[in-house]
Amino acid sequence: MQRPPRRLPDLAIAIFVLACLAWGVDARWHASWDGGIYVLTAQSLAAGEGYRYLGAPFFLRPPGFSWLLSWLVAPSGDVDFHALNLAMMVIAMAALVAVYAVLCRFLDRPRAAAIALAFGTSAAFVGQLNVVMSDLLFLLLVFAALGFLLPQRDGTTPFWKDALATVTIAAALYVRTAGVVLLPLALVQRRLVGAVQVALVLLALAPWLQFAGAAADAAPKPSTQLLNFTYGTPMLHTDSRDPTSPYLPPRKWVGRAARNAVDLAEDVGRVLGLGTGIGAAAATLAVGYGFAAVARRRWSLLEWFALAYAGLIVVYAYYESRLILPLVVCVYYYFMAAVEDVAWWWARRAGRTTLAPTIWAGVVACLLAANVAALPTSRASTPTEDTFPLRAAVPWIRANTPGDATLLTDLAPDLSVLTGRRAYSYLYLGTAPLPAADYVVLHGTPAAFEPAIALRSSATVALPSGSGPESVRIYRLRDARSGG
């Protein structure tokens, strides 16, 4: 039997990448709270105002992703969503290539390409395309860092790879704090060189840590506009917005870790198409078996990463499915390692060893087919401006309010991006007073404070949004400025 051309797997990856770039980009805003904040902080950087959100220094997230977006957005005015989504697609495809390159270090090209394509067609990956979030850039930097940390096939690591690994780890930490899992990997790989790399990364992070620390000290407590005060606050304290609140008791830590572990197992089941419950348990056991099979033969940097990142997901204060994106690569890799191990065991017992590769190929083909069949729902998994609950308010606000008007609403960052007005959220105010605003924009079920707002209003506009008659209400407060 003639072997396929050596570069055929590379060609398959290239075709997939080009197809996504040619036909996978849209021109709509895929609404998300964090995405709105990223765009607004990017506009602040583009305007030369510094790393700020709603006029105040922003210290919750590192500035790396916002800095990148600042080259793509105007300081004010309309946002070119097609340009942003194209940039996200380019980052996504670069990340997929980095994943494939790392897998090629442990598998032959056909198997590496098959697993990379299974990941590239998964709902976890496809659901992030055209979404302005840091997940894809973080994925790219993580696997680029792994690629640079891994020694060459001859066992050597040239200086340029050490230098690029250091830069990439620092960049990952400037994009997502979760990049901290890469620091021990450098130490594990090469202790002395790794110690130097860690020292250089911490030196590079010093300006951000100094900025964030000073801004956090000066910020009001509890925070009124952010779900988390800092990443450490929900990890350690009872109030995620207030670092002066009491510390969490040990039982809360244990309960949270148990819930996160269950959620992670259920996502593993969904990734592999086995669902939740018993299917999720079976999928997790299979992935664990594959991990053990690989580790028994050859413990590598990828195993260290899988353990470190899974541990971070389990102990983190919140569980979000999108956060496991880098781990999904490992889920496919170890699941197929389990399939390979069992297939070879069965084939040897049956005396038909040629069947083992066929079984492996059949299983990965089923994964690919299931992913491709689910692509329409995967693409629709993130809301767009067409399904944005406040979409009816956007044209009215743009046409009838001054450019410097302030809004009070619940989906504040997204409404601010779509209208170009400064928008505050009432979701995290607690007992704090409502911030001063010219207009209050509400939708759906009446808010508890809506009657009081109606009394202060000089004019009220009710707009149908498609989800119910007059489901969007806009109150113009008595001292508000008219747009015309």
Protein backbone atom coordinates (compact mmCIF):
# COMPACT_ATOMS: atom_id res chain seq x y z
CA MET A 1 0.00 0.00 0.00
CA GLN A 2 1.44 3.36 -1.06
CA ARG A 3 1.84 5.89 1.72
CA PRO A 4 0.19 9.29 1.23
CA PRO A 5 2.43 12.24 0.30
CA ARG A 6 4.35 13.54 3.32
CA ARG A 7 2.98 17.06 2.94
CA LEU A 8 -0.67 16.05 2.49
CA PRO A 9 -1.50 16.74 6.18
CA ASP A 10 0.09 20.20 5.87
CA LEU A 11 -2.05 20.80 2.79
CA ALA A 12 -5.20 19.77 4.67
CA ILE A 13 -4.45 22.28 7.44
CA ALA A 14 -3.66 24.98 4.86
CA ILE A 15 -6.94 24.38 3.00
CA PHE A 16 -8.92 24.58 6.23
CA VAL A 17 -7.16 27.82 7.22
CA LEU A 18 -7.75 29.45 3.82
CA ALA A 19 -11.39 28.36 3.78
CA CYS A 20 -12.00 29.93 7.19
CA LEU A 21 -10.28 33.16 6.17
CA ALA A 22 -12.22 33.33 2.89
CA TRP A 23 -15.71 32.40 4.09
CA GLY A 24 -15.72 32.46 7.89
CA VAL A 25 -15.54 36.21 8.61
CA ASP A 26 -18.68 38.27 9.14
CA ALA A 27 -19.23 41.98 9.73
CA ARG A 28 -21.46 41.86 12.81
CA TRP A 29 -20.80 42.65 16.43
CA HIS A 30 -20.96 39.45 18.46
CA ALA A 31 -22.11 40.94 21.72
CA SER A 32 -20.34 39.99 24.94
CA TRP A 33 -19.74 41.89 28.15
CA ASP A 34 -15.98 41.31 28.15
CA GLY A 35 -15.73 41.98 24.42
CA GLY A 36 -17.36 45.38 24.91
CA ILE A 37 -14.87 46.27 27.63
CA TYR A 38 -11.97 45.19 25.42
CA VAL A 39 -13.15 47.47 22.60
CA LEU A 40 -13.77 50.43 24.93
CA THR A 41 -10.37 50.14 26.61
CA ALA A 42 -8.80 49.78 23.15
CA GLN A 43 -10.47 53.03 22.07
CA SER A 44 -9.10 54.70 25.19
CA LEU A 45 -5.59 53.54 24.27
CA ALA A 46 -6.08 54.64 20.65
CA ALA A 47 -7.12 58.09 21.86
CA GLY A 48 -3.94 58.40 23.93
CA GLU A 49 -5.93 58.45 27.20
CA GLY A 50 -4.21 55.39 28.66
CA TYR A 51 -5.65 52.09 29.76
CA ARG A 52 -9.01 53.31 31.05
CA TYR A 53 -12.64 52.18 31.26
CA LEU A 54 -15.39 54.73 31.86
CA GLY A 55 -12.69 57.32 32.46
CA ALA A 56 -10.99 55.40 35.30
CA PRO A 57 -7.76 53.34 35.14
CA PHE A 58 -8.63 49.75 34.25
CA PHE A 59 -6.75 47.18 36.31
CA LEU A 60 -8.94 44.04 36.20
CA ARG A 61 -7.41 42.53 33.05
CA PRO A 62 -3.91 42.86 31.60
CA PRO A 63 -3.73 45.33 28.70
CA GLY A 64 -2.16 43.12 26.00
CA PHE A 65 -5.32 42.29 24.04
CA SER A 66 -6.71 45.82 24.31
CA TRP A 67 -3.37 47.18 23.11
CA LEU A 68 -3.56 44.95 20.03
CA LEU A 69 -7.13 46.07 19.33
CA SER A 70 -6.11 49.72 19.71
CA TRP A 71 -4.36 49.44 16.34
CA LEU A 72 -7.63 48.36 14.74
CA VAL A 73 -10.18 50.75 16.23
CA ALA A 74 -10.69 54.48 15.90
CA PRO A 75 -10.42 56.55 19.11
CA SER A 76 -14.15 57.32 18.82
CA GLY A 77 -17.07 56.86 16.48
CA ASP A 78 -18.21 53.77 14.63
CA VAL A 79 -16.36 50.50 15.06
CA ASP A 80 -15.37 48.50 11.98
CA PHE A 81 -16.63 45.12 13.10
CA HIS A 82 -15.50 43.39 9.90
CA ALA A 83 -11.91 44.48 10.54
CA LEU A 84 -12.09 43.25 14.15
CA ASN A 85 -13.61 39.92 13.16
CA LEU A 86 -11.04 39.45 10.40
CA ALA A 87 -8.28 40.07 12.93
CA MET A 88 -9.82 37.50 15.26
CA MET A 89 -9.99 34.97 12.42
CA VAL A 90 -6.34 35.54 11.53
CA ILE A 91 -5.40 35.02 15.20
CA ALA A 92 -7.56 31.88 15.34
CA MET A 93 -5.94 30.35 12.28
CA ALA A 94 -2.46 31.19 13.55
CA ALA A 95 -3.41 29.48 16.82
CA LEU A 96 -4.58 26.39 14.93
CA VAL A 97 -1.27 26.22 13.08
CA ALA A 98 0.58 26.53 16.41
CA VAL A 99 -1.53 23.68 17.82
CA TYR A 100 -0.70 21.54 14.79
CA ALA A 101 3.01 22.32 15.11
CA VAL A 102 3.06 21.26 18.77
CA LEU A 103 1.11 18.07 18.05
CA CYS A 104 3.63 17.22 15.33
CA ARG A 105 6.26 16.99 18.06
CA PHE A 106 4.43 14.00 19.57
CA LEU A 107 2.61 12.42 16.62
CA ASP A 108 3.22 11.79 12.94
CA ARG A 109 1.81 14.43 10.60
CA PRO A 110 -1.41 12.62 9.58
CA ARG A 111 -2.48 12.00 13.17
CA ALA A 112 -1.44 15.50 14.27
CA ALA A 113 -3.44 17.04 11.41
CA ALA A 114 -6.48 14.89 12.22
CA ILE A 115 -6.52 15.98 15.86
CA ALA A 116 -5.85 19.62 14.93
CA LEU A 117 -8.79 19.55 12.50
CA ALA A 118 -11.03 17.91 15.11
CA PHE A 119 -10.15 20.77 17.43
CA GLY A 120 -10.55 23.35 14.66
CA THR A 121 -14.09 22.17 13.88
CA SER A 122 -15.18 21.80 17.50
CA ALA A 123 -17.86 24.00 19.01
CA ALA A 124 -15.33 25.22 21.60
CA PHE A 125 -13.15 26.69 18.84
CA VAL A 126 -15.73 27.65 16.21
CA GLY A 127 -17.84 29.42 18.84
CA GLN A 128 -14.96 31.87 19.42
CA LEU A 129 -14.53 32.87 15.77
CA ASN A 130 -15.63 36.46 15.06
CA VAL A 131 -15.88 37.06 18.81
CA VAL A 132 -13.70 39.92 20.07
CA MET A 133 -12.27 38.17 23.12
CA SER A 134 -8.79 37.35 24.36
CA ASP A 135 -9.28 33.56 24.27
CA LEU A 136 -7.93 32.99 20.76
CA LEU A 137 -4.89 35.21 21.22
CA PHE A 138 -4.16 33.45 24.51
CA LEU A 139 -4.47 30.08 22.77
CA LEU A 140 -1.98 31.21 20.12
CA LEU A 141 0.52 32.45 22.68
CA VAL A 142 0.22 29.34 24.88
CA PHE A 143 0.95 26.91 22.07
CA ALA A 144 3.62 29.17 20.58
CA ALA A 145 5.28 29.21 24.01
CA LEU A 146 5.03 25.41 24.26
CA GLY A 147 6.57 25.11 20.81
CA PHE A 148 9.49 27.33 21.77
CA LEU A 149 10.00 25.62 25.15
CA LEU A 150 10.17 22.15 23.61
CA PRO A 151 13.70 21.15 22.57
CA GLN A 152 14.49 20.42 18.96
CA ARG A 153 14.42 16.84 17.73
CA ASP A 154 18.16 16.52 18.35
CA GLY A 155 17.62 17.49 22.01
CA THR A 156 19.19 20.93 21.76
CA THR A 157 17.53 24.30 22.36
CA PRO A 158 19.17 27.21 20.52
CA PHE A 159 19.31 30.67 22.07
CA TRP A 160 16.70 32.10 19.71
CA LYS A 161 14.12 29.59 20.95
CA ASP A 162 14.86 30.47 24.57
CA ALA A 163 14.48 34.17 23.74
CA LEU A 164 11.21 33.66 21.86
CA ALA A 165 9.86 31.45 24.66
CA THR A 166 10.56 34.23 27.18
CA VAL A 167 8.88 36.88 25.02
CA THR A 168 5.88 34.66 24.31
CA ILE A 169 5.32 33.74 27.96
CA ALA A 170 5.45 37.42 28.91
CA ALA A 171 3.01 38.25 26.11
CA ALA A 172 0.64 35.50 27.26
CA LEU A 173 0.65 36.95 30.77
CA TYR A 174 -0.05 40.42 29.37
CA VAL A 175 -3.09 38.95 27.60
CA ARG A 176 -4.48 36.65 30.31
CA THR A 177 -3.42 36.18 33.90
CA ALA A 178 -3.91 32.44 33.36
CA GLY A 179 -0.60 32.54 31.49
CA VAL A 180 0.99 32.06 34.91
CA VAL A 181 0.78 28.30 34.24
CA LEU A 182 3.59 28.72 31.71
CA LEU A 183 6.12 29.90 34.29
CA PRO A 184 6.62 26.53 36.03
CA LEU A 185 6.82 24.89 32.59
CA ALA A 186 9.94 26.91 31.85
CA LEU A 187 11.48 25.75 35.13
CA VAL A 188 10.55 22.12 34.46
CA GLN A 189 12.01 22.16 30.97
CA ARG A 190 15.43 23.65 31.79
CA ARG A 191 15.98 24.64 35.40
CA LEU A 192 18.78 27.18 35.12
CA VAL A 193 17.65 28.70 31.81
CA GLY A 194 14.06 28.49 33.03
CA ALA A 195 14.91 30.48 36.17
CA VAL A 196 16.41 33.20 33.98
CA GLN A 197 13.31 33.16 31.77
CA VAL A 198 10.99 33.47 34.77
CA ALA A 199 13.05 36.36 36.14
CA LEU A 200 12.90 38.19 32.79
CA VAL A 201 9.15 37.61 32.49
CA LEU A 202 8.55 39.01 35.98
CA LEU A 203 10.74 42.00 35.11
CA ALA A 204 8.66 42.60 31.97
CA LEU A 205 5.46 42.41 34.07
CA ALA A 206 6.69 44.94 36.63
CA PRO A 207 5.20 48.05 34.90
CA TRP A 208 1.77 46.41 34.66
CA LEU A 209 1.86 45.16 38.25
CA GLN A 210 2.83 48.61 39.48
CA PHE A 211 0.07 50.29 37.45
CA ALA A 212 -2.59 47.77 38.48
CA GLY A 213 -1.62 47.90 42.16
CA ALA A 214 -1.74 51.70 42.31
CA ALA A 215 -5.05 51.83 40.41
CA ALA A 216 -6.61 49.16 42.63
CA ASP A 217 -5.57 51.00 45.79
CA ALA A 218 -7.25 54.18 44.54
CA ALA A 219 -10.41 52.48 43.25
CA PRO A 220 -13.69 52.48 45.21
CA LYS A 221 -14.49 49.34 47.18
CA PRO A 222 -16.68 47.53 46.38
CA SER A 223 -16.44 48.06 42.66
CA THR A 224 -19.69 49.32 41.13
CA GLN A 225 -19.02 48.64 37.45
CA LEU A 226 -17.16 45.31 37.41
CA LEU A 227 -18.08 41.79 38.45
CA ASN A 228 -14.59 41.24 39.93
CA PHE A 229 -12.44 43.78 41.70
CA THR A 230 -9.31 41.81 40.77
CA TYR A 231 -8.82 38.16 39.86
CA GLY A 232 -7.61 37.43 43.36
CA THR A 233 -10.65 38.93 45.07
CA PRO A 234 -13.21 36.25 44.11
CA MET A 235 -10.59 33.58 44.74
CA LEU A 236 -10.07 34.66 48.35
CA HIS A 237 -13.01 36.79 49.47
CA THR A 238 -16.76 36.40 49.95
CA ASP A 239 -17.52 39.50 47.81
CA SER A 240 -15.88 39.35 44.39
CA ARG A 241 -16.06 43.14 44.10
CA ASP A 242 -14.59 43.98 47.48
CA PRO A 243 -11.07 42.97 48.61
CA THR A 244 -11.91 44.12 52.15
CA SER A 245 -14.70 41.54 52.52
CA PRO A 246 -14.16 38.43 54.73
CA TYR A 247 -12.04 35.56 53.45
CA LEU A 248 -13.73 32.43 52.12
CA PRO A 249 -13.87 29.53 54.59
CA PRO A 250 -12.11 26.28 53.57
CA ARG A 251 -15.40 24.45 52.90
CA LYS A 252 -16.27 27.05 50.25
CA TRP A 253 -12.96 26.36 48.51
CA VAL A 254 -13.62 22.61 48.52
CA GLY A 255 -17.19 22.99 47.32
CA ARG A 256 -16.14 25.34 44.53
CA ALA A 257 -13.38 23.01 43.36
CA ALA A 258 -15.82 20.08 43.32
CA ARG A 259 -18.36 22.05 41.25
CA ASN A 260 -15.69 23.19 38.82
CA ALA A 261 -14.42 19.62 38.43
CA VAL A 262 -17.94 18.42 37.61
CA ASP A 263 -18.44 21.26 35.12
CA LEU A 264 -15.09 20.46 33.50
CA ALA A 265 -16.04 16.79 33.18
CA GLU A 266 -19.35 17.73 31.57
CA ASP A 267 -17.56 19.97 29.06
CA VAL A 268 -15.21 17.09 28.25
CA GLY A 269 -18.31 15.01 27.53
CA ARG A 270 -19.74 17.71 25.28
CA VAL A 271 -16.45 18.15 23.40
CA LEU A 272 -16.34 14.44 22.61
CA GLY A 273 -20.03 14.25 21.75
CA LEU A 274 -20.92 11.99 24.69
CA GLY A 275 -23.09 14.53 26.48
CA THR A 276 -23.39 15.07 30.21
CA GLY A 277 -24.00 12.73 33.12
CA ILE A 278 -22.79 9.17 32.48
CA GLY A 279 -21.47 10.17 29.06
CA ALA A 280 -19.36 12.93 30.60
CA ALA A 281 -18.00 10.53 33.23
CA ALA A 282 -17.07 8.00 30.54
CA ALA A 283 -15.43 10.70 28.40
CA THR A 284 -13.42 12.00 31.35
CA LEU A 285 -12.28 8.50 32.29
CA ALA A 286 -11.22 7.87 28.69
CA VAL A 287 -9.22 11.12 28.59
CA GLY A 288 -7.64 10.26 31.94
CA TYR A 289 -6.71 6.81 30.66
CA GLY A 290 -5.15 8.35 27.55
CA PHE A 291 -3.20 10.80 29.70
CA ALA A 292 -1.85 7.93 31.80
CA ALA A 293 -0.98 5.90 28.69
CA VAL A 294 1.00 8.80 27.18
CA ALA A 295 2.67 9.67 30.49
CA ARG A 296 3.70 6.05 31.00
CA ARG A 297 5.53 6.04 27.68
CA ARG A 298 6.91 9.58 27.71
CA TRP A 299 6.20 12.37 30.20
CA SER A 300 6.55 15.67 28.34
CA LEU A 301 5.90 19.36 28.67
CA LEU A 302 2.38 18.85 27.29
CA GLU A 303 1.50 16.64 30.26
CA TRP A 304 2.80 19.29 32.65
CA PHE A 305 0.69 21.90 30.87
CA ALA A 306 -2.47 19.75 30.88
CA LEU A 307 -2.14 19.13 34.63
CA ALA A 308 -1.35 22.76 35.46
CA TYR A 309 -4.14 24.23 33.34
CA ALA A 310 -6.75 21.71 34.49
CA GLY A 311 -5.74 22.46 38.09
CA LEU A 312 -6.14 26.19 37.49
CA ILE A 313 -9.61 25.65 36.00
CA VAL A 314 -10.68 23.56 39.00
CA VAL A 315 -9.50 26.00 41.69
CA TYR A 316 -10.52 29.20 39.90
CA ALA A 317 -13.33 31.27 41.38
CA TYR A 318 -15.65 30.88 38.38
CA TYR A 319 -16.14 28.26 35.73
CA GLU A 320 -16.71 29.34 32.14
CA SER A 321 -16.62 26.90 29.24
CA ARG A 322 -14.65 29.29 27.04
CA LEU A 323 -11.77 29.29 29.54
CA ILE A 324 -10.95 25.64 28.80
CA LEU A 325 -10.15 26.32 25.12
CA PRO A 326 -6.41 25.47 25.42
CA LEU A 327 -7.35 22.33 27.36
CA VAL A 328 -9.69 21.13 24.58
CA VAL A 329 -6.61 20.37 22.46
CA CYS A 330 -5.39 18.06 25.21
CA VAL A 331 -8.85 16.47 25.51
CA TYR A 332 -8.73 15.38 21.86
CA TYR A 333 -5.07 14.35 22.08
CA TYR A 334 -5.48 12.14 25.16
CA PHE A 335 -8.82 10.72 24.06
CA MET A 336 -7.29 9.57 20.78
CA ALA A 337 -4.29 8.22 22.74
CA ALA A 338 -6.77 6.10 24.72
CA VAL A 339 -8.42 4.93 21.49
CA GLU A 340 -5.02 4.01 20.05
CA ASP A 341 -3.96 2.12 23.17
CA VAL A 342 -7.17 0.10 23.36
CA ALA A 343 -7.20 -0.50 19.59
CA TRP A 344 -3.66 -1.92 19.63
CA TRP A 345 -4.47 -4.09 22.66
CA TRP A 346 -7.53 -5.54 20.94
CA ALA A 347 -5.77 -5.93 17.56
CA ARG A 348 -2.88 -7.84 19.13
CA ARG A 349 -5.24 -10.19 20.96
CA ALA A 350 -7.15 -10.75 17.73
CA GLY A 351 -3.94 -11.22 15.75
CA ARG A 352 -4.93 -8.45 13.31
CA THR A 353 -2.63 -5.56 14.14
CA THR A 354 -3.37 -3.81 10.84
CA LEU A 355 -6.82 -2.98 12.21
CA ALA A 356 -5.50 -0.66 14.95
CA PRO A 357 -4.76 2.33 12.65
CA THR A 358 -8.11 1.78 10.93
CA ILE A 359 -9.95 1.92 14.24
CA TRP A 360 -8.09 5.10 15.19
CA ALA A 361 -8.91 6.71 11.85
CA GLY A 362 -12.55 5.65 12.14
CA VAL A 363 -12.98 7.22 15.57
CA VAL A 364 -11.38 10.52 14.57
CA ALA A 365 -13.52 10.55 11.42
CA CYS A 366 -16.61 10.21 13.60
CA LEU A 367 -15.44 13.12 15.74
CA LEU A 368 -14.87 15.25 12.65
CA ALA A 369 -18.24 14.31 11.17
CA ALA A 370 -20.05 15.15 14.43
CA ASN A 371 -18.26 18.50 14.65
CA VAL A 372 -19.03 19.41 11.04
CA ALA A 373 -22.70 18.43 11.50
CA ALA A 374 -22.89 20.77 14.51
CA LEU A 375 -21.21 23.73 12.78
CA PRO A 376 -24.43 25.71 12.13
CA THR A 377 -25.35 25.68 15.83
CA SER A 378 -21.72 26.33 16.82
CA ARG A 379 -21.65 29.46 14.67
CA ALA A 380 -24.90 30.65 16.26
CA SER A 381 -23.72 30.05 19.82
CA THR A 382 -22.69 33.67 20.37
CA PRO A 383 -25.29 36.46 20.20
CA THR A 384 -24.90 39.09 17.48
CA GLU A 385 -26.22 42.63 17.29
CA ASP A 386 -29.23 41.12 15.45
CA THR A 387 -30.20 39.23 18.63
CA PHE A 388 -28.97 41.89 21.08
CA PRO A 389 -31.86 42.55 23.50
CA LEU A 390 -31.39 46.31 23.20
CA ARG A 391 -30.98 46.41 19.42
CA ALA A 392 -34.08 48.60 18.98
CA ALA A 393 -32.54 51.21 21.27
CA VAL A 394 -29.34 51.57 19.24
CA PRO A 395 -30.65 53.58 16.23
CA TRP A 396 -32.86 55.71 18.46
CA ILE A 397 -29.97 56.61 20.76
CA ARG A 398 -27.64 57.39 17.87
CA ALA A 399 -30.26 59.64 16.25
CA ASN A 400 -31.71 61.39 19.29
CA THR A 401 -28.97 61.82 21.91
CA PRO A 402 -25.80 63.93 21.93
CA GLY A 403 -22.49 62.16 21.46
CA ASP A 404 -21.45 62.85 25.06
CA ALA A 405 -24.68 61.55 26.59
CA THR A 406 -24.38 59.01 29.39
CA LEU A 407 -26.60 55.94 29.61
CA LEU A 408 -27.60 53.66 32.46
CA THR A 409 -28.48 50.08 31.51
CA ASP A 410 -27.60 46.46 32.24
CA LEU A 411 -25.70 45.47 29.07
CA ALA A 412 -23.56 48.56 29.36
CA PRO A 413 -20.33 47.73 27.46
CA ASP A 414 -22.15 46.35 24.39
CA LEU A 415 -24.58 49.27 24.22
CA SER A 416 -21.66 51.67 24.52
CA VAL A 417 -19.83 49.98 21.64
CA LEU A 418 -22.92 50.04 19.40
CA THR A 419 -23.95 53.63 20.17
CA GLY A 420 -20.66 55.39 20.86
CA ARG A 421 -22.11 56.76 24.16
CA ARG A 422 -20.71 56.20 27.61
CA ALA A 423 -22.83 53.55 29.32
CA TYR A 424 -22.87 52.58 33.01
CA SER A 425 -24.24 49.35 34.45
CA TYR A 426 -26.62 49.11 37.37
CA LEU A 427 -25.98 45.36 37.86
CA TYR A 428 -23.20 45.56 40.45
CA LEU A 429 -24.18 48.67 42.36
CA GLY A 430 -25.50 46.88 45.46
CA THR A 431 -26.50 49.60 47.90
CA ALA A 432 -24.53 52.27 46.03
CA PRO A 433 -26.60 55.08 44.44
CA LEU A 434 -27.32 54.98 40.73
CA PRO A 435 -24.63 56.83 38.76
CA ALA A 436 -25.58 60.13 37.14
CA ALA A 437 -26.97 59.51 33.66
CA ASP A 438 -28.88 61.38 30.98
CA TYR A 439 -30.86 58.35 29.78
CA VAL A 440 -31.90 55.06 31.38
CA VAL A 441 -32.36 52.15 28.95
CA LEU A 442 -34.29 49.13 30.24
CA HIS A 443 -35.73 46.01 28.66
CA GLY A 444 -37.73 42.93 29.55
CA THR A 445 -38.98 42.58 33.12
CA PRO A 446 -39.31 45.95 34.89
CA ALA A 447 -36.38 46.76 37.17
CA ALA A 448 -37.00 47.37 40.87
CA PHE A 449 -35.97 51.01 40.54
CA GLU A 450 -37.96 51.64 37.33
CA PRO A 451 -40.92 53.39 39.02
CA ALA A 452 -38.51 55.87 40.63
CA ILE A 453 -36.81 56.44 37.29
CA ALA A 454 -40.19 57.01 35.63
CA LEU A 455 -40.95 59.75 38.18
CA ARG A 456 -37.66 61.49 37.34
CA SER A 457 -38.21 61.16 33.61
CA SER A 458 -39.17 64.10 31.39
CA ALA A 459 -39.89 61.85 28.41
CA THR A 460 -40.30 58.12 27.84
CA VAL A 461 -39.87 56.15 24.62
CA ALA A 462 -41.14 52.57 24.25
CA LEU A 463 -39.71 50.51 21.39
CA PRO A 464 -40.59 47.02 20.20
CA SER A 465 -37.48 44.84 20.04
CA GLY A 466 -38.90 41.69 18.49
CA SER A 467 -38.94 39.84 21.81
CA GLY A 468 -42.20 41.44 22.97
CA PRO A 469 -44.27 44.60 22.54
CA GLU A 470 -42.65 47.70 23.99
CA SER A 471 -39.95 45.60 25.62
CA VAL A 472 -37.34 48.38 25.43
CA ARG A 473 -37.96 51.51 27.49
CA ILE A 474 -35.83 54.64 27.25
CA TYR A 475 -36.26 57.27 29.96
CA ARG A 476 -34.88 60.75 29.39
CA LEU A 477 -34.20 62.29 32.79
CA ARG A 478 -35.33 65.83 33.47
CA ASP A 479 -31.85 67.36 33.33
CA ALA A 480 -30.82 65.37 30.22
CA ARG A 481 -29.55 67.17 27.15
CA SER A 482 -31.61 66.80 24.00
CA GLY A 483 -30.02 65.51 20.83
CA GLY A 484 -32.20 67.59 18.53
